[in-house]
Protein backbone atom coordinates (compact mmCIF):
# COMPACT_ATOMS: atom_id res chain seq x y z
CA MET A 1 49.86 -28.34 -54.96
CA LYS A 2 47.55 -29.70 -52.31
CA THR A 3 50.14 -29.03 -49.66
CA SER A 4 50.67 -25.49 -50.94
CA LEU A 5 46.88 -24.82 -50.82
CA LEU A 6 46.61 -26.09 -47.27
CA LEU A 7 49.52 -23.95 -46.15
CA SER A 8 48.00 -20.87 -47.81
CA SER A 9 44.65 -21.47 -46.10
CA ALA A 10 46.29 -21.90 -42.71
CA ALA A 11 48.21 -18.67 -43.20
CA LEU A 12 44.98 -16.80 -44.02
CA LEU A 13 43.25 -18.18 -40.91
CA ILE A 14 46.17 -17.19 -38.68
CA ALA A 15 46.31 -13.71 -40.19
CA GLY A 16 42.55 -13.29 -39.86
CA SER A 17 42.68 -14.33 -36.23
CA ALA A 18 45.47 -11.90 -35.53
CA TYR A 19 43.49 -9.08 -37.21
CA ALA A 20 40.36 -9.92 -35.25
CA ALA A 21 42.34 -9.83 -32.03
CA ASP A 22 43.29 -6.23 -32.81
CA LEU A 23 39.60 -5.15 -33.16
CA PRO A 24 37.91 -3.64 -30.06
CA ALA A 25 35.88 -6.25 -28.25
CA LYS A 26 32.09 -5.80 -28.39
CA LYS A 27 30.96 -5.06 -24.84
CA ALA A 28 27.60 -6.00 -23.37
CA ALA A 29 25.27 -3.06 -22.59
CA PRO A 30 25.82 -1.95 -19.01
CA ALA A 31 23.09 -2.91 -16.57
CA ALA A 32 20.91 -0.07 -15.37
CA ALA A 33 22.23 1.27 -12.10
CA PRO A 34 19.74 0.78 -9.28
CA SER A 35 18.30 3.97 -7.83
CA ALA A 36 20.02 4.83 -4.60
CA GLY A 37 17.75 4.94 -1.59
CA CYS A 38 17.52 7.81 0.90
CA PRO A 39 17.28 6.12 4.29
CA ALA A 40 17.48 9.45 6.11
CA TYR A 41 13.98 10.35 4.85
CA GLY A 42 12.36 6.96 5.34
CA ALA A 43 11.12 4.12 3.17
CA GLY A 44 10.20 4.79 -0.45
CA PHE A 45 12.55 7.74 -1.08
CA ILE A 46 15.02 7.46 -3.96
CA THR A 47 17.64 9.81 -5.35
CA ILE A 48 16.66 11.99 -8.30
CA PRO A 49 19.41 11.38 -10.91
CA SER A 50 22.03 14.14 -11.23
CA THR A 51 20.71 15.97 -8.14
CA ASP A 52 21.17 15.90 -4.40
CA SER A 53 17.39 15.61 -3.88
CA CYS A 54 15.31 12.60 -2.94
CA ILE A 55 11.73 11.90 -4.02
CA GLN A 56 8.92 9.66 -2.87
CA ILE A 57 5.89 9.04 -5.08
CA SER A 58 2.79 7.66 -3.39
CA GLY A 59 -0.97 7.87 -3.53
CA TYR A 60 -4.11 5.82 -4.00
CA VAL A 61 -6.93 4.92 -6.35
CA ARG A 62 -10.37 4.27 -4.91
CA SER A 63 -13.93 3.50 -5.89
CA ASP A 64 -16.72 5.16 -3.85
CA ASN A 65 -20.21 3.72 -4.23
CA THR A 66 -23.49 4.40 -2.41
CA TYR A 67 -27.04 3.13 -2.38
CA THR A 68 -29.75 5.06 -0.49
CA ALA A 69 -32.82 3.05 0.43
CA ASN A 70 -35.35 5.86 0.91
CA VAL A 71 -35.12 8.67 -1.62
CA VAL A 72 -37.69 10.84 -3.37
CA ARG A 73 -37.53 10.56 -7.13
CA PRO A 74 -36.94 12.32 -9.45
CA ALA A 75 -35.33 14.93 -7.21
CA LYS A 76 -32.83 12.42 -5.83
CA THR A 77 -31.20 9.26 -7.09
CA TYR A 78 -30.91 5.89 -5.39
CA TYR A 79 -27.26 5.26 -6.13
CA GLY A 80 -23.90 6.86 -6.75
CA LEU A 81 -20.85 5.32 -8.45
CA GLY A 82 -17.78 7.44 -7.92
CA TYR A 83 -14.02 7.42 -7.91
CA LYS A 84 -10.99 9.36 -6.80
CA PHE A 85 -7.25 9.11 -7.30
CA VAL A 86 -4.43 11.03 -5.65
CA VAL A 87 -0.73 11.12 -6.56
CA ASN A 88 1.72 12.62 -4.06
CA PHE A 89 5.20 13.94 -4.90
CA ASP A 90 7.40 14.47 -1.83
CA VAL A 91 10.82 15.98 -2.65
CA ARG A 92 13.47 16.66 0.01
CA ASN A 93 17.09 17.71 0.18
CA ASN A 94 19.52 18.83 2.86
CA THR A 95 20.77 22.43 2.96
CA GLU A 96 22.87 24.48 5.33
CA LEU A 97 19.59 25.55 6.99
CA GLY A 98 18.22 22.03 7.32
CA THR A 99 15.96 19.81 5.22
CA VAL A 100 13.88 21.56 2.58
CA ARG A 101 10.68 19.75 1.61
CA SER A 102 8.37 20.35 -1.34
CA PHE A 103 5.07 18.48 -1.41
CA ILE A 104 2.57 18.37 -4.28
CA ALA A 105 -0.60 16.26 -4.45
CA VAL A 106 -2.79 16.08 -7.56
CA ASN A 107 -6.16 14.38 -7.82
CA ALA A 108 -9.22 13.82 -9.92
CA ALA A 109 -12.60 12.63 -8.69
CA SER A 110 -16.25 12.36 -9.50
CA GLY A 111 -18.19 15.11 -7.74
CA ALA A 112 -15.32 17.60 -7.96
CA PRO A 113 -15.91 21.10 -9.39
CA SER A 114 -15.02 19.71 -12.81
CA THR A 115 -15.55 15.96 -12.68
CA GLY A 116 -12.53 14.09 -13.95
CA THR A 117 -10.37 17.22 -14.20
CA LEU A 118 -6.89 16.94 -12.73
CA MET A 119 -6.54 19.39 -9.83
CA THR A 120 -3.95 20.34 -7.23
CA ASP A 121 -4.95 19.00 -3.86
CA LYS A 122 -1.96 20.22 -1.84
CA ALA A 123 1.18 22.20 -2.68
CA TYR A 124 3.52 23.53 -0.02
CA VAL A 125 7.14 24.08 1.01
CA GLU A 126 8.58 23.27 4.44
CA LEU A 127 11.83 24.23 6.12
CA GLY A 128 12.30 23.28 9.73
CA GLY A 129 8.98 23.99 11.41
CA PHE A 130 7.80 26.49 8.78
CA ARG A 131 5.18 25.64 6.15
CA ALA A 132 3.91 27.82 3.29
CA GLY A 133 1.38 26.88 0.64
CA ALA A 134 -1.83 24.85 0.48
CA ALA A 135 -2.20 21.97 2.92
CA LEU A 136 -4.60 20.46 5.43
CA SER A 137 -5.60 22.98 8.05
CA VAL A 138 -3.73 22.78 11.33
CA VAL A 139 -7.11 22.23 13.04
CA ASP A 140 -8.23 19.44 10.69
CA PHE A 141 -8.57 16.44 13.01
CA ASP A 142 -10.05 13.91 10.60
CA ASN A 143 -10.66 10.28 11.58
CA GLY A 144 -10.99 9.05 8.02
CA TYR A 145 -14.51 7.58 7.95
CA ASN A 146 -16.80 8.27 5.05
CA ASN A 147 -19.60 9.70 7.14
CA SER A 148 -18.31 10.68 10.55
CA LEU A 149 -19.41 14.30 11.03
CA VAL A 150 -15.87 15.21 12.07
CA SER A 151 -15.41 18.96 12.14
CA TYR A 152 -13.65 20.86 9.41
CA GLN A 153 -12.20 18.71 6.66
CA PRO A 154 -11.31 21.04 3.77
CA THR A 155 -9.52 19.70 0.70
CA ASN A 156 -6.67 22.18 1.20
CA VAL A 157 -6.17 25.61 2.74
CA GLY A 158 -3.65 28.30 1.86
CA GLN A 159 -1.54 28.92 4.95
CA LEU A 160 1.58 30.19 6.66
CA ALA A 161 2.33 28.04 9.69
CA TYR A 162 5.05 27.27 12.20
CA THR A 163 5.26 24.18 14.41
CA ALA A 164 7.55 23.73 17.41
CA THR A 165 7.90 20.37 19.12
CA VAL A 166 8.73 20.03 22.80
CA GLY A 167 9.02 16.43 23.90
CA SER A 168 5.84 14.64 22.80
CA THR A 169 3.87 17.85 22.26
CA ALA A 170 3.66 19.91 19.06
CA PHE A 171 2.54 23.56 19.13
CA THR A 172 1.44 25.27 15.90
CA VAL A 173 0.51 28.86 15.07
CA ALA A 174 -0.91 29.68 11.64
CA ALA A 175 -2.61 32.19 9.40
CA GLU A 176 -4.94 30.44 6.96
CA ALA A 177 -7.19 31.54 4.13
CA ALA A 178 -10.49 32.58 5.73
CA GLN A 179 -13.14 29.86 5.71
CA ASP A 180 -16.31 31.87 5.21
CA ASN A 181 -19.37 29.64 4.85
CA ASN A 182 -21.11 32.56 3.16
CA ASP A 183 -23.06 33.11 -0.02
CA ALA A 184 -20.83 33.97 -2.96
CA GLY A 185 -22.32 37.48 -3.13
CA ILE A 186 -21.36 38.37 0.45
CA ASN A 187 -18.16 40.36 0.90
CA LYS A 188 -15.21 38.29 2.01
CA ALA A 189 -13.06 38.71 5.12
CA SER A 190 -10.30 41.31 5.09
CA ARG A 191 -7.82 39.16 7.03
CA PRO A 192 -6.88 35.49 7.22
CA ASP A 193 -8.11 33.22 9.98
CA LEU A 194 -5.64 33.12 12.88
CA MET A 195 -5.26 29.95 14.91
CA VAL A 196 -3.24 27.92 17.37
CA ALA A 197 -3.20 24.13 17.63
CA VAL A 198 -1.70 21.59 20.02
CA SER A 199 -1.12 17.87 19.58
CA SER A 200 0.21 15.84 22.48
CA LYS A 201 0.78 12.18 23.22
CA VAL A 202 -0.14 12.22 26.89
CA SER A 203 0.71 8.55 27.37
CA ASP A 204 1.10 5.39 25.31
CA ALA A 205 -2.68 5.10 25.34
CA VAL A 206 -3.91 8.71 25.11
CA THR A 207 -3.43 11.36 22.39
CA VAL A 208 -5.02 14.81 22.61
CA LYS A 209 -5.45 17.40 19.83
CA GLY A 210 -7.05 20.83 20.04
CA GLY A 211 -7.25 24.17 18.30
CA LEU A 212 -8.65 27.70 18.66
CA VAL A 213 -9.55 29.90 15.69
CA SER A 214 -10.15 33.65 15.39
CA HIS A 215 -12.33 34.40 12.36
CA GLU A 216 -13.45 37.73 10.93
CA VAL A 217 -17.18 37.43 10.35
CA VAL A 218 -18.24 38.35 6.85
CA GLY A 219 -21.26 40.62 6.86
CA SER A 220 -21.72 43.51 4.44
CA SER A 221 -19.83 46.67 3.53
CA THR A 222 -21.21 48.28 6.71
CA GLY A 223 -18.74 46.41 8.88
CA THR A 224 -17.58 43.14 10.33
CA ALA A 225 -17.50 41.35 13.66
CA GLN A 226 -15.19 38.80 15.20
CA GLY A 227 -16.09 35.13 15.49
CA PHE A 228 -14.27 32.17 16.98
CA ALA A 229 -14.22 28.38 17.01
CA GLY A 230 -12.77 25.64 19.18
CA ILE A 231 -12.09 22.08 18.00
CA GLY A 232 -10.80 19.06 19.92
CA ARG A 233 -10.13 15.36 19.60
CA VAL A 234 -9.11 12.65 22.09
CA ASP A 235 -7.91 9.15 21.16
CA VAL A 236 -7.78 6.43 23.82
CA ALA A 237 -6.20 3.18 22.61
CA PHE A 238 -5.86 -0.10 24.44
CA ALA A 239 -5.13 -2.66 21.72
CA PRO A 240 -7.14 -3.99 20.04
CA VAL A 241 -9.71 -1.31 21.01
CA LYS A 242 -9.58 2.41 20.22
CA LEU A 243 -12.04 5.13 21.27
CA ILE A 244 -12.16 8.43 19.34
CA LEU A 245 -14.01 11.50 20.65
CA ASN A 246 -14.43 14.75 18.68
CA ALA A 247 -16.18 18.02 19.50
CA ALA A 248 -16.38 21.55 18.10
CA TYR A 249 -18.14 24.82 18.86
CA ALA A 250 -18.33 28.00 16.78
CA ASN A 251 -19.81 31.46 17.20
CA GLY A 252 -19.75 33.36 13.93
CA ALA A 253 -17.36 30.81 12.39
CA GLY A 254 -19.62 28.03 11.17
CA ALA A 255 -17.12 26.58 8.70
CA TYR A 256 -15.16 25.08 11.60
CA VAL A 257 -18.11 22.99 12.74
CA ASP A 258 -19.59 22.42 9.33
CA ASN A 259 -17.46 22.13 6.21
CA ASN A 260 -16.42 25.09 4.07
CA GLY A 261 -19.49 26.46 2.29
CA SER A 262 -17.50 27.19 -0.87
CA SER A 263 -15.97 23.72 -0.99
CA SER A 264 -17.13 21.15 -3.52
CA TYR A 265 -17.42 18.73 -0.61
CA GLN A 266 -20.30 20.42 1.18
CA GLY A 267 -20.63 19.94 4.89
CA PRO A 268 -23.73 18.37 6.45
CA LEU A 269 -25.35 21.63 7.58
CA ASN A 270 -24.78 23.09 4.15
CA ASN A 271 -26.57 20.11 2.65
CA THR A 272 -29.48 20.60 5.00
CA MET A 273 -29.57 24.33 4.44
CA GLY A 274 -29.07 24.20 0.69
CA GLY A 275 -25.61 25.72 0.93
CA ILE A 276 -26.75 29.03 2.45
CA ILE A 277 -25.27 28.98 5.94
CA ARG A 278 -23.68 32.32 6.89
CA ASP A 279 -21.58 33.49 9.80
CA SER A 280 -24.12 36.20 10.61
CA ALA A 281 -26.94 38.34 9.33
CA SER A 282 -25.99 40.78 6.57
CA ASP A 283 -25.06 43.55 9.03
CA SER A 284 -22.71 41.29 11.05
CA SER A 285 -25.15 41.12 13.94
CA ASN A 286 -26.85 38.02 15.32
CA LEU A 287 -23.87 35.70 14.86
CA SER A 288 -24.64 32.13 13.89
CA THR A 289 -23.77 29.38 16.36
CA ALA A 290 -22.98 25.75 15.70
CA TYR A 291 -21.62 22.74 17.52
CA ASP A 292 -21.08 19.06 16.96
CA TYR A 293 -19.74 16.00 18.72
CA THR A 294 -18.93 12.48 17.60
CA ALA A 295 -17.82 9.22 19.17
CA ALA A 296 -16.28 6.27 17.35
CA LEU A 297 -15.15 2.86 18.52
CA GLU A 298 -12.65 0.76 16.56
CA TYR A 299 -11.73 -2.90 17.04
CA ALA A 300 -8.65 -4.26 15.26
CA LEU A 301 -8.79 -7.82 13.95
CA GLY A 302 -5.26 -8.38 12.70
CA ASN A 303 -5.00 -6.40 9.47
CA HIS A 304 -8.75 -5.77 9.47
CA LEU A 305 -10.81 -3.18 11.34
CA ALA A 306 -14.38 -3.06 12.62
CA TYR A 307 -15.82 0.30 13.69
CA ALA A 308 -19.02 2.05 14.75
CA TYR A 309 -19.77 5.74 15.28
CA THR A 310 -22.45 8.26 16.14
CA GLY A 311 -22.58 12.03 15.75
CA TYR A 312 -24.79 15.05 16.28
CA GLU A 313 -24.58 18.52 14.71
CA ASN A 314 -26.64 21.63 15.48
CA GLY A 315 -26.61 25.07 13.88
CA THR A 316 -28.68 28.25 14.16
CA GLN A 317 -28.83 31.31 11.93
CA ASP A 318 -31.31 34.12 12.57
CA VAL A 319 -34.66 32.40 13.21
CA ASN A 320 -33.65 29.13 11.52
CA SER A 321 -32.36 26.00 13.23
CA TYR A 322 -30.65 23.04 11.62
CA LYS A 323 -29.75 19.63 13.01
CA ARG A 324 -28.23 16.40 11.81
CA THR A 325 -27.83 13.04 13.55
CA ASP A 326 -25.79 10.13 12.19
CA TYR A 327 -24.91 6.67 13.35
CA GLY A 328 -23.29 3.87 11.43
CA ALA A 329 -20.95 0.90 11.37
CA GLY A 330 -18.43 -0.53 8.95
CA PHE A 331 -15.72 -3.08 8.38
CA LYS A 332 -12.37 -2.53 6.68
CA TYR A 333 -11.20 -5.81 5.14
CA THR A 334 -7.60 -5.93 3.92
CA VAL A 335 -7.59 -8.08 0.78
CA ALA A 336 -3.85 -7.80 0.15
CA LYS A 337 -1.04 -5.43 1.02
CA GLY A 338 -2.19 -1.93 0.03
CA LEU A 339 -5.68 -3.07 -1.01
CA TYR A 340 -8.80 -2.99 1.12
CA VAL A 341 -12.58 -3.15 0.80
CA ARG A 342 -14.68 -1.15 3.28
CA PRO A 343 -18.47 -1.60 3.41
CA GLU A 344 -20.36 0.79 5.68
CA ILE A 345 -24.00 1.34 6.52
CA TYR A 346 -25.39 4.41 8.23
CA ASN A 347 -28.57 6.27 9.09
CA ARG A 348 -28.81 10.05 8.73
CA VAL A 349 -31.59 12.37 9.94
CA GLU A 350 -31.41 16.00 8.81
CA SER A 351 -33.77 18.61 10.20
CA LYS A 352 -34.60 22.18 9.18
CA ASN A 353 -36.89 24.04 11.58
CA GLY A 354 -38.26 20.74 12.85
CA THR A 355 -38.90 19.09 9.47
CA ASP A 356 -36.93 15.83 9.25
CA THR A 357 -35.44 14.05 6.26
CA THR A 358 -34.15 10.51 6.80
CA SER A 359 -31.63 8.59 4.70
CA ASN A 360 -30.49 4.98 5.08
CA VAL A 361 -27.31 4.54 3.11
CA PHE A 362 -25.08 1.62 2.15
CA TYR A 363 -21.58 2.73 1.23
CA LEU A 364 -18.77 0.71 -0.33
CA ARG A 365 -15.18 1.88 -0.75
CA ILE A 366 -12.51 -0.10 -2.58
CA ARG A 367 -9.05 1.43 -2.27
CA ARG A 368 -5.56 0.58 -3.52
CA ASP A 369 -2.63 2.43 -1.96
CA PHE A 370 0.77 2.68 -3.62
């Protein structure tokens, strides 16, 4: 009986094993396939699944903080605690006509038209040398300091542009949304601003950038006049030292020396003038004039950077004159890859018809790039 029971049990085990062998084996979940890179477009680009396009996502988050030593209360405040973040989406793919690029940048910041509201900073399409959409102006030669008086730094400008590169020189022609620097009630220009720009690496040590702008002066319904502006920048670099020189002049095109009067980031003359700078008197006569120049010196210390700068800006409109002088120094300390702290201190003197206002400001930026 015992032997019969053991034989029956063994038969059941063998049969069960044979049945189990016929069942489909349970497979481990497949590992997620790594995103394929796109080396043709540079570091950071990956393939968008199920497409032939590549994307790069980048941007930064920063904290902007100021303390002004000499202010008049309650009209002004001693300090400012601000922020900004930007996220960039760069999408590219090859076509029979070449690489098509779509670029979108969104941001939110304190001090924007609607503080904290997500806004489009840039949005444009490129094919070959053509660009259409909203982007930095082709004559925006920014050096990146907080308070450098560099001419013309709009957040974005609607434009149609074409760039051709010959050797180490790039030539650009563009039509851009007119930068008016006028009161909101003044009639706007009837045509876009027309401009040419050149950027050339003259040698390993010297880079030159320049641009000329034709601007239709906004006056009243009785007519308009033509204004112009010229902007230039020269970089001279002998490591670890770099010298940066900027200059601009405008006649009836004040936005290209000062910042755009309708921008949320008011330019220095607009601050001095209370935001009322105009290209001309209401009948398009007596064109305003403005000029500025800046000089900056940088000294690289490994991954860190020390810098100092000075700048002067002058504008006239009708019988009024406006001036601003700045000088300052700062240090960019790289804490870790993609993270830096940049303290800066500067003195600013603004003048309207000979009456001066002085500010001594400590500025601190903390920025994380990704």
